Protein backbone atom coordinates (compact mmCIF):
# COMPACT_ATOMS: atom_id res chain seq x y z
CA MET A 1 0.00 0.00 0.00
CA VAL A 2 2.72 2.46 0.97
CA CYS A 3 5.54 2.53 -1.58
CA ASP A 4 7.95 4.87 0.20
CA PRO A 5 10.17 3.05 2.72
CA HIS A 6 10.14 6.04 5.09
CA GLN A 7 6.35 6.14 5.08
CA ALA A 8 6.28 2.38 5.65
CA GLU A 9 8.44 2.88 8.74
CA ASP A 10 6.10 5.64 9.94
CA VAL A 11 3.08 3.37 9.43
CA THR A 12 4.80 0.55 11.31
CA GLN A 13 5.60 2.83 14.23
CA ALA A 14 2.02 4.15 14.27
CA VAL A 15 0.62 0.61 14.30
CA PHE A 16 2.77 -0.38 17.26
CA ALA A 17 1.90 2.86 19.04
CA ALA A 18 -1.79 2.00 18.49
CA LEU A 19 -1.08 -1.50 19.82
CA ALA A 20 0.49 -0.04 22.95
CA ARG A 21 -2.50 2.29 23.46
CA SER A 22 -4.99 -0.55 22.92
CA ALA A 23 -3.11 -3.29 24.76
CA GLU A 24 -5.50 -3.43 27.71
CA GLY A 25 -8.55 -3.91 25.49
CA LEU A 26 -6.82 -6.52 23.33
CA LYS A 27 -6.02 -8.94 26.16
CA GLU A 28 -9.09 -11.03 25.46
CA ARG A 29 -8.28 -11.56 21.77
CA PRO A 30 -6.90 -15.03 21.15
CA VAL A 31 -5.34 -13.97 17.82
CA LEU A 32 -3.87 -10.53 17.36
CA SER A 33 -2.90 -10.83 13.69
CA GLY A 34 -6.31 -9.75 12.34
CA TRP A 35 -6.32 -6.62 14.49
CA LEU A 36 -2.75 -5.79 13.46
CA HIS A 37 -3.53 -6.31 9.77
CA ARG A 38 -6.67 -4.15 9.82
CA THR A 39 -4.97 -1.43 11.87
CA ALA A 40 -1.98 -1.41 9.50
CA GLN A 41 -4.31 -1.09 6.49
CA ASN A 42 -6.26 1.75 8.09
CA ILE A 43 -3.18 3.68 9.12
CA ALA A 44 -1.52 3.15 5.72
CA ALA A 45 -4.65 4.39 3.92
CA GLN A 46 -4.81 7.44 6.20
CA THR A 47 -1.12 8.13 5.57
CA ILE A 48 -1.65 7.99 1.81
CA ARG A 49 -4.72 10.27 1.99
CA THR A 50 -2.82 12.75 4.13
CA ASP A 51 0.12 12.72 1.71
CA VAL A 52 -2.14 13.24 -1.32
CA ARG A 53 -3.90 16.19 0.36
CA ARG A 54 -0.56 17.69 1.43
CA ARG A 55 0.82 17.45 -2.11
CA ALA A 56 -2.33 19.03 -3.57
CA ARG A 57 -2.09 21.93 -1.09
CA GLU A 58 1.60 22.36 -1.92
CA GLN A 59 0.86 22.45 -5.66
CA GLU A 60 -1.94 24.95 -5.15
CA ALA A 61 0.28 27.14 -2.99
CA SER A 62 3.06 26.94 -5.57
CA ALA A 63 0.68 27.93 -8.38
CA MET A 64 -0.64 30.83 -6.32
CA ASN A 65 2.91 31.89 -5.54
CA GLU A 66 3.81 31.84 -9.24
CA LEU A 67 0.77 33.98 -10.06
CA HIS A 68 1.71 36.44 -7.35
CA GLU A 69 5.34 36.63 -8.47
CA SER A 70 4.40 37.11 -12.12
CA GLY A 71 2.29 40.12 -11.23
CA ALA A 72 -0.91 38.55 -12.50
CA THR A 73 -4.03 39.83 -10.81
CA TRP A 74 -7.44 38.32 -10.72
CA ASP A 75 -10.38 40.65 -10.85
CA ILE A 76 -12.84 38.42 -9.03
CA SER A 77 -15.81 40.74 -9.50
CA ARG A 78 -15.21 40.73 -13.27
CA ARG A 79 -14.97 36.95 -13.32
CA ILE A 80 -18.25 36.65 -11.37
CA SER A 81 -20.09 39.00 -13.70
CA ILE A 82 -18.71 37.20 -16.79
CA SER A 83 -19.77 33.81 -15.40
CA ARG A 84 -23.29 35.16 -14.73
CA TRP A 85 -23.65 36.32 -18.32
CA ALA A 86 -22.20 33.11 -19.72
CA SER A 87 -24.79 30.88 -18.05
């Protein structure tokens, strides 16, 4: 699920931290492997979602920065009035 080795290490650490936090409630489970597998999947999926959102925000910020540096301005009121007439 996670392709980056550093992220895989982070996921592994998060799973074992979750195990430590949940240890008391897991005493009654005869087999822990299912819980570990599901927890690892959930944390890996959350890590990927977080990374995708972070990258999208970084790209948006970079694009906004480029617009600002190039001196381009957006006349939002003009864009709104144009979009009203276009529809």
